[in-house]
Amino acid sequence: MKKYLLLLLGLLILPIKVLAEEDFALAPSSKSAILIEASTGEVIYENNADEKLNPASMTKMMSMLLIIEAIENGTITWDQEVTVSENASSMGGSQILLETGEKMSVEDLFKGVAISSGNDAVVALAETVAGTEDAFISMMNDKAKELGLKNTNFKTPHGLDEANHYSSARDMALIAKELVKHEKVLEFTSVYEDYLRENTDRKIWLVNTNKLVRFYEGVDGLKTGYTKEAGYCLTATAEKDGMRIIAVVMGEPDSKTRNTEVSEMLDYAFAQYKTEDLLNQDIIGTYEVDKGKDRYVNVIPETKVTVLKKKSEEKGNATYEVNLNTLKAPLKKGEVVGKLKVKENGKLVRTINLITEKEVKKANIFELYTQNLNDIITSNISI
């Protein structure tokens, strides 16, 4: 009898416990979800965030990351004309209706990817960056390893259903975290509508697949996704009061639920959390460069030096320490020259790369002689 009473009590208590958990769940309709703050990378909420799932067109975030990096390092340029291949023009799914042999600028193709999720456009750009689509996919997987993604394998640059093509909500958030560092990308992903081939008989209207760009204040990206296998997916980012949030959902049942639940995730983050800046200036300091054509260079943090706090918490005991390498020319712009360690209550919570603000070329013999002579003259004048 005692055994049956305990079983009955268990059945009565169990639903109450489950309901309590559901009351605090975010994106309950999704298969997987994660919510992070972009500058710190700290996770605000997660549910099943490491499950390998089909990311659908959220795949294009990695493609856009490689494309923008190729533009920034000079491999390709925004105004470069791309001749569309038969392979690119044959892509199904969402597209900007490219024709084989058509010429379109990198900028317009990127617009077609960022706004309208064009599969044909992303393949055309992939081939331009890497030579072939397969070579670009190899670059995607190499970048995934570089970023430390643990549950990602790319088989396409666009995300149409393909065997062994998968990622996770956490990995998508990490890609997004890298992508939002490139402000030029957000200039495209924040556009709700635009046109391609204006003033021609093949004019096409682009409408952003991410409706939150229009209907949620502060949202300026990033990428939707849908296939029958993947369900409805979305990586959204929004910035308010200097804090950028990234929300990812995968496997939602429909677009309305997807948008509603992501909006709720963003609402929660902005209502409950804030960031605190640890630096009052943009640079760590100005340091001398050994044998540099320029004697000094500014050293800056690669990302904002912030800590994430709940609004209900008192100001924490956050500090940072700088570990800088010896600076010796030549130095590239953005070269990593040290580390900044953020600590809270004495515990290491984050390490940020310190980089050079500009390029410093190596001085030639004559320039070194002139510098040394100036040092001697200045030293004598001081005396």
Protein backbone atom coordinates (compact mmCIF):
# COMPACT_ATOMS: atom_id res chain seq x y z
CA MET A 1 0.00 0.00 0.00
CA LYS A 2 2.86 2.36 0.91
CA LYS A 3 4.47 1.70 -2.51
CA TYR A 4 1.25 2.67 -4.34
CA LEU A 5 0.88 5.88 -2.28
CA LEU A 6 4.43 6.90 -3.19
CA LEU A 7 3.75 6.18 -6.87
CA LEU A 8 0.55 8.24 -6.74
CA LEU A 9 2.36 11.15 -5.08
CA GLY A 10 5.06 10.93 -7.77
CA LEU A 11 2.47 11.14 -10.53
CA LEU A 12 0.90 14.18 -8.87
CA ILE A 13 4.22 15.97 -8.37
CA LEU A 14 5.78 15.21 -11.79
CA PRO A 15 3.45 17.38 -13.91
CA ILE A 16 3.99 20.34 -11.56
CA LYS A 17 7.77 20.03 -11.94
CA VAL A 18 7.57 19.80 -15.74
CA LEU A 19 5.26 22.82 -15.97
CA ALA A 20 7.61 24.84 -13.79
CA GLU A 21 10.51 24.04 -16.11
CA GLU A 22 8.44 24.92 -19.19
CA ASP A 23 7.50 28.27 -17.64
CA PHE A 24 11.17 29.26 -17.79
CA ALA A 25 11.99 27.70 -21.15
CA LEU A 26 12.89 29.87 -24.11
CA ALA A 27 12.07 28.75 -27.66
CA PRO A 28 10.21 25.64 -26.39
CA SER A 29 9.06 24.68 -29.90
CA SER A 30 12.59 24.46 -31.28
CA LYS A 31 14.77 21.36 -31.42
CA SER A 32 17.74 23.43 -30.31
CA ALA A 33 18.36 26.99 -29.13
CA ILE A 34 21.05 29.24 -27.72
CA LEU A 35 21.27 32.88 -26.64
CA ILE A 36 24.64 34.64 -26.26
CA GLU A 37 26.11 38.10 -25.78
CA ALA A 38 28.38 38.85 -28.72
CA SER A 39 31.33 40.74 -27.22
CA THR A 40 31.95 38.28 -24.38
CA GLY A 41 30.57 35.13 -26.00
CA GLU A 42 28.86 34.31 -22.70
CA VAL A 43 25.84 32.03 -22.90
CA ILE A 44 22.66 33.50 -21.44
CA TYR A 45 20.44 30.51 -22.26
CA GLU A 46 20.81 27.22 -24.06
CA ASN A 47 18.74 24.13 -24.75
CA ASN A 48 20.14 21.12 -26.58
CA ALA A 49 22.67 23.52 -28.13
CA ASP A 50 25.20 20.87 -29.22
CA GLU A 51 22.92 18.53 -31.15
CA LYS A 52 23.99 18.01 -34.76
CA LEU A 53 21.18 19.32 -36.96
CA ASN A 54 20.73 20.56 -40.50
CA PRO A 55 21.35 24.35 -40.45
CA ALA A 56 19.71 24.94 -43.86
CA SER A 57 20.55 28.42 -45.22
CA MET A 58 22.15 29.51 -41.95
CA THR A 59 25.08 27.73 -43.63
CA LYS A 60 25.50 30.94 -45.63
CA MET A 61 26.82 32.70 -42.52
CA MET A 62 30.05 30.75 -42.88
CA SER A 63 30.07 31.48 -46.61
CA MET A 64 29.59 35.20 -45.98
CA LEU A 65 32.37 35.14 -43.39
CA LEU A 66 34.85 33.69 -45.89
CA ILE A 67 33.69 36.04 -48.64
CA ILE A 68 34.02 39.19 -46.50
CA GLU A 69 37.46 38.04 -45.35
CA ALA A 70 38.47 37.53 -49.00
CA ILE A 71 37.32 41.08 -49.77
CA GLU A 72 39.15 42.54 -46.78
CA ASN A 73 42.41 40.77 -47.62
CA GLY A 74 42.22 41.82 -51.27
CA THR A 75 41.59 38.41 -52.87
CA ILE A 76 38.46 39.84 -54.49
CA THR A 77 36.92 43.34 -54.57
CA TRP A 78 33.39 44.70 -54.17
CA ASP A 79 33.28 46.05 -57.72
CA GLN A 80 34.80 42.95 -59.34
CA GLU A 81 32.65 41.51 -62.13
CA VAL A 82 31.80 37.83 -61.75
CA THR A 83 30.82 35.68 -64.73
CA VAL A 84 28.15 33.24 -63.58
CA SER A 85 28.94 29.57 -64.21
CA GLU A 86 26.47 26.92 -65.28
CA ASN A 87 26.94 25.29 -61.89
CA ALA A 88 25.92 28.47 -60.06
CA SER A 89 22.94 29.24 -62.29
CA SER A 90 21.59 25.69 -61.88
CA MET A 91 21.07 26.00 -58.10
CA GLY A 92 17.55 25.31 -56.88
CA GLY A 93 15.74 26.73 -53.86
CA SER A 94 15.90 30.45 -53.15
CA GLN A 95 17.75 32.30 -55.88
CA ILE A 96 18.21 35.64 -57.64
CA LEU A 97 17.63 34.04 -61.06
CA LEU A 98 21.19 34.18 -62.36
CA GLU A 99 21.79 33.03 -65.92
CA THR A 100 24.86 31.19 -67.21
CA GLY A 101 27.36 33.73 -68.56
CA GLU A 102 25.67 36.67 -66.85
CA LYS A 103 28.01 39.21 -65.25
CA MET A 104 27.28 40.69 -61.84
CA SER A 105 29.44 42.55 -59.31
CA VAL A 106 30.61 40.94 -56.08
CA GLU A 107 28.64 43.58 -54.18
CA ASP A 108 25.36 42.77 -55.92
CA LEU A 109 25.91 39.03 -55.50
CA PHE A 110 26.66 39.53 -51.81
CA LYS A 111 23.47 41.57 -51.54
CA GLY A 112 21.60 38.67 -53.11
CA VAL A 113 22.99 36.31 -50.46
CA ALA A 114 22.58 38.56 -47.42
CA ILE A 115 19.07 39.81 -48.19
CA SER A 116 17.41 37.19 -50.35
CA SER A 117 19.45 34.08 -49.46
CA GLY A 118 20.27 33.36 -53.10
CA ASN A 119 21.75 29.88 -53.53
CA ASP A 120 22.94 30.76 -57.03
CA ALA A 121 24.58 33.95 -55.76
CA VAL A 122 26.51 32.24 -52.95
CA VAL A 123 27.84 29.54 -55.32
CA ALA A 124 28.96 32.21 -57.81
CA LEU A 125 30.86 33.97 -55.02
CA ALA A 126 32.26 30.71 -53.65
CA GLU A 127 33.71 29.87 -57.07
CA THR A 128 35.16 33.38 -57.34
CA VAL A 129 36.89 33.14 -53.95
CA ALA A 130 38.21 29.57 -54.18
CA GLY A 131 38.12 28.63 -57.86
CA THR A 132 35.64 25.79 -57.40
CA GLU A 133 32.69 25.09 -55.15
CA ASP A 134 34.45 22.04 -53.65
CA ALA A 135 37.55 24.09 -52.82
CA PHE A 136 35.36 26.65 -51.07
CA ILE A 137 33.65 23.93 -49.02
CA SER A 138 37.10 22.79 -47.87
CA MET A 139 37.78 26.38 -46.81
CA MET A 140 34.51 26.37 -44.85
CA ASN A 141 35.49 23.25 -42.93
CA ASP A 142 39.01 24.57 -42.30
CA LYS A 143 37.49 27.76 -40.90
CA ALA A 144 35.17 25.70 -38.72
CA LYS A 145 38.22 23.99 -37.18
CA GLU A 146 39.96 27.34 -36.75
CA LEU A 147 36.95 28.68 -34.83
CA GLY A 148 36.86 25.58 -32.64
CA LEU A 149 33.47 24.35 -33.87
CA LYS A 150 32.92 20.85 -32.53
CA ASN A 151 29.68 19.75 -34.17
CA THR A 152 29.86 21.12 -37.70
CA ASN A 153 30.55 19.61 -41.12
CA PHE A 154 29.78 21.47 -44.32
CA LYS A 155 28.99 19.78 -47.62
CA THR A 156 27.59 22.83 -49.46
CA PRO A 157 28.02 26.62 -49.31
CA HIS A 158 24.24 27.18 -49.39
CA GLY A 159 22.60 24.65 -47.06
CA LEU A 160 20.28 22.70 -49.33
CA ASP A 161 19.70 19.22 -47.89
CA GLU A 162 22.80 17.07 -48.29
CA ALA A 163 23.92 13.94 -46.45
CA ASN A 164 26.44 14.59 -43.66
CA HIS A 165 25.84 18.37 -43.74
CA TYR A 166 25.24 19.49 -40.16
CA SER A 167 25.95 22.00 -37.44
CA SER A 168 24.63 22.95 -34.01
CA ALA A 169 23.03 26.00 -32.44
CA ARG A 170 26.21 26.70 -30.46
CA ASP A 171 28.42 26.48 -33.54
CA MET A 172 26.06 28.72 -35.51
CA ALA A 173 26.25 31.28 -32.69
CA LEU A 174 30.05 31.17 -32.79
CA ILE A 175 30.05 31.77 -36.55
CA ALA A 176 27.63 34.67 -36.03
CA LYS A 177 29.89 36.07 -33.31
CA GLU A 178 32.71 36.25 -35.86
CA LEU A 179 30.49 37.58 -38.63
CA VAL A 180 29.17 40.56 -36.66
CA LYS A 181 32.73 41.82 -36.24
CA HIS A 182 32.49 42.83 -39.91
CA GLU A 183 30.21 45.87 -39.88
CA LYS A 184 29.94 45.84 -43.68
CA VAL A 185 28.03 42.54 -43.46
CA LEU A 186 25.44 44.12 -41.16
CA GLU A 187 24.95 46.92 -43.68
CA PHE A 188 23.56 44.27 -46.04
CA THR A 189 21.76 41.97 -43.61
CA SER A 190 19.90 44.93 -42.05
CA VAL A 191 18.27 45.90 -45.38
CA TYR A 192 14.65 44.81 -45.60
CA GLU A 193 14.16 45.31 -49.33
CA ASP A 194 16.21 46.32 -52.36
CA TYR A 195 16.55 45.65 -56.09
CA LEU A 196 19.02 44.03 -58.46
CA ARG A 197 19.34 44.73 -62.20
CA GLU A 198 17.47 48.01 -61.87
CA ASN A 199 16.66 49.76 -65.16
CA THR A 200 16.65 46.44 -67.02
CA ASP A 201 13.92 44.07 -68.11
CA ARG A 202 15.29 41.51 -65.59
CA LYS A 203 14.88 43.70 -62.51
CA ILE A 204 14.39 41.61 -59.36
CA TRP A 205 12.95 42.69 -56.00
CA LEU A 206 14.86 41.43 -52.97
CA VAL A 207 12.95 41.03 -49.71
CA ASN A 208 14.79 40.03 -46.57
CA THR A 209 13.91 36.52 -45.43
CA ASN A 210 14.53 37.71 -41.85
CA LYS A 211 11.31 39.62 -41.06
CA LEU A 212 12.64 40.68 -37.64
CA VAL A 213 14.82 43.21 -39.46
CA ARG A 214 11.63 45.15 -40.06
CA PHE A 215 9.53 44.23 -37.05
CA TYR A 216 11.97 44.07 -34.10
CA GLU A 217 13.81 47.24 -33.12
CA GLY A 218 17.57 46.79 -33.17
CA VAL A 219 17.69 43.63 -35.29
CA ASP A 220 20.21 44.02 -38.13
CA GLY A 221 20.86 40.40 -39.15
CA LEU A 222 21.67 37.65 -39.68
CA LYS A 223 20.29 34.59 -41.49
CA THR A 224 17.18 32.46 -41.79
CA GLY A 225 17.02 28.88 -42.97
CA TYR A 226 14.44 26.36 -44.09
CA THR A 227 14.37 22.96 -45.71
CA LYS A 228 11.98 20.08 -45.17
CA GLU A 229 14.65 18.22 -43.22
CA ALA A 230 15.88 21.19 -41.17
CA GLY A 231 12.58 22.85 -40.36
CA TYR A 232 12.56 26.60 -39.75
CA CYS A 233 15.82 28.04 -38.45
CA LEU A 234 17.05 31.53 -37.60
CA THR A 235 20.15 33.23 -36.32
CA ALA A 236 19.19 36.78 -35.34
CA THR A 237 21.27 39.56 -33.86
CA ALA A 238 20.21 42.84 -32.31
CA GLU A 239 22.01 45.70 -30.59
CA LYS A 240 20.59 47.97 -27.88
CA ASP A 241 22.33 50.24 -25.39
CA GLY A 242 25.73 49.09 -26.62
CA MET A 243 25.03 45.38 -26.07
CA ARG A 244 24.78 42.96 -29.00
CA ILE A 245 22.82 39.75 -28.57
CA ILE A 246 22.80 36.68 -30.84
CA ALA A 247 19.90 34.20 -30.75
CA VAL A 248 19.78 30.90 -32.64
CA VAL A 249 16.90 28.47 -33.05
CA MET A 250 16.85 25.29 -35.13
CA GLY A 251 14.01 22.98 -36.11
CA GLU A 252 11.07 25.30 -35.46
CA PRO A 253 7.67 24.11 -36.80
CA ASP A 254 6.85 27.26 -38.83
CA SER A 255 8.15 30.76 -39.54
CA LYS A 256 5.66 32.51 -37.26
CA THR A 257 6.70 30.43 -34.24
CA ARG A 258 10.36 30.89 -35.16
CA ASN A 259 10.04 34.69 -35.24
CA THR A 260 7.94 34.85 -32.08
CA GLU A 261 10.29 32.68 -30.05
CA VAL A 262 13.42 34.49 -31.22
CA SER A 263 11.77 37.80 -30.34
CA GLU A 264 11.06 36.44 -26.85
CA MET A 265 14.70 35.36 -26.51
CA LEU A 266 15.89 38.84 -27.43
CA ASP A 267 13.34 40.43 -25.08
CA TYR A 268 14.62 38.29 -22.23
CA ALA A 269 18.27 39.14 -22.86
CA PHE A 270 17.72 42.90 -23.09
CA ALA A 271 15.40 42.94 -20.07
CA GLN A 272 17.66 40.89 -17.80
CA TYR A 273 21.24 41.65 -18.83
CA LYS A 274 23.68 44.48 -19.50
CA THR A 275 27.36 44.81 -20.35
CA GLU A 276 29.93 46.86 -18.49
CA ASP A 277 32.98 48.32 -20.27
CA LEU A 278 36.31 47.79 -18.55
CA LEU A 279 38.18 50.26 -20.79
CA ASN A 280 37.48 53.96 -20.95
CA GLN A 281 39.48 54.35 -24.16
CA ASP A 282 39.79 52.51 -27.48
CA ILE A 283 43.51 51.71 -27.18
CA ILE A 284 45.51 49.79 -24.61
CA GLY A 285 48.52 52.04 -25.16
CA THR A 286 51.12 53.34 -27.60
CA TYR A 287 54.29 51.28 -27.71
CA GLU A 288 57.71 51.55 -29.34
CA VAL A 289 58.46 49.26 -32.30
CA ASP A 290 61.99 47.94 -32.61
CA LYS A 291 63.47 48.81 -36.03
CA GLY A 292 60.13 50.22 -37.19
CA LYS A 293 59.82 52.85 -39.90
CA ASP A 294 57.23 54.31 -37.55
CA ARG A 295 58.66 54.44 -34.06
CA TYR A 296 55.37 53.81 -32.26
CA VAL A 297 52.14 51.93 -32.82
CA ASN A 298 48.82 51.86 -30.97
CA VAL A 299 47.82 48.48 -29.56
CA ILE A 300 44.08 47.82 -29.37
CA PRO A 301 41.86 44.95 -28.20
CA GLU A 302 40.43 42.77 -30.98
CA THR A 303 36.95 43.07 -29.43
CA LYS A 304 35.29 45.23 -26.80
CA VAL A 305 36.59 44.65 -23.29
CA THR A 306 33.34 44.04 -21.45
CA VAL A 307 31.74 41.82 -18.86
CA LEU A 308 28.16 40.57 -18.89
CA LYS A 309 26.02 41.21 -15.83
CA LYS A 310 22.45 40.63 -14.77
CA LYS A 311 20.78 44.00 -14.25
CA SER A 312 19.77 42.92 -10.76
CA GLU A 313 23.40 42.33 -9.72
CA GLU A 314 25.62 44.92 -8.12
CA LYS A 315 28.71 46.02 -10.02
CA GLY A 316 31.18 43.16 -9.98
CA ASN A 317 34.85 43.05 -9.17
CA ALA A 318 36.13 42.82 -12.76
CA THR A 319 39.73 43.61 -13.70
CA TYR A 320 42.08 43.00 -16.61
CA GLU A 321 45.79 42.44 -17.12
CA VAL A 322 47.86 43.03 -20.26
CA ASN A 323 50.54 40.64 -21.52
CA LEU A 324 52.36 42.24 -24.47
CA ASN A 325 55.02 40.71 -26.70
CA THR A 326 58.13 42.61 -27.80
CA LEU A 327 57.13 44.71 -30.81
CA LYS A 328 59.53 44.32 -33.72
CA ALA A 329 59.03 45.47 -37.31
CA PRO A 330 57.63 44.53 -39.71
CA LEU A 331 54.11 44.34 -38.24
CA LYS A 332 50.91 43.85 -40.18
CA LYS A 333 47.77 45.82 -39.39
CA GLY A 334 45.74 43.69 -36.99
CA GLU A 335 48.70 41.47 -36.07
CA VAL A 336 48.27 39.74 -32.72
CA VAL A 337 50.95 41.08 -30.35
CA GLY A 338 49.65 40.07 -26.95
CA LYS A 339 46.77 39.02 -24.76
CA LEU A 340 44.39 40.83 -22.43
CA LYS A 341 42.99 38.68 -19.63
CA VAL A 342 39.66 39.60 -18.08
CA LYS A 343 39.12 38.44 -14.52
CA GLU A 344 36.11 38.54 -12.21
CA ASN A 345 36.74 38.14 -8.50
CA GLY A 346 40.24 36.98 -9.41
CA LYS A 347 39.01 34.23 -11.76
CA LEU A 348 39.92 34.26 -15.47
CA VAL A 349 36.73 34.55 -17.54
CA ARG A 350 37.97 35.65 -20.95
CA THR A 351 41.11 36.20 -23.02
CA ILE A 352 41.15 38.81 -25.79
CA ASN A 353 43.78 39.22 -28.51
CA LEU A 354 45.69 42.50 -28.58
CA ILE A 355 46.40 43.69 -32.11
CA THR A 356 48.21 46.51 -33.90
CA GLU A 357 46.08 49.42 -35.09
CA LYS A 358 48.13 49.93 -38.27
CA GLU A 359 50.91 48.40 -40.35
CA VAL A 360 54.51 49.19 -39.37
CA LYS A 361 57.16 48.58 -42.02
CA LYS A 362 60.75 47.79 -41.23
CA ALA A 363 63.07 50.81 -41.34
CA ASN A 364 66.03 50.77 -43.73
CA ILE A 365 69.60 51.51 -42.65
CA PHE A 366 69.33 55.22 -43.45
CA GLU A 367 66.06 55.56 -41.51
CA LEU A 368 67.55 53.74 -38.50
CA TYR A 369 70.60 56.03 -38.63
CA THR A 370 68.35 59.11 -38.71
CA GLN A 371 66.29 57.81 -35.78
CA ASN A 372 69.41 57.14 -33.70
CA LEU A 373 70.81 60.57 -34.55
CA ASN A 374 67.57 62.24 -33.51
CA ASP A 375 67.64 60.27 -30.24
CA ILE A 376 71.17 61.53 -29.52
CA ILE A 377 70.26 65.13 -30.33
CA THR A 378 67.08 64.98 -28.27
CA SER A 379 68.97 63.41 -25.37
CA ASN A 380 71.62 66.19 -25.42
CA ILE A 381 68.99 68.91 -25.61
CA SER A 382 67.22 67.38 -22.60
CA ILE A 383 70.45 67.48 -20.60
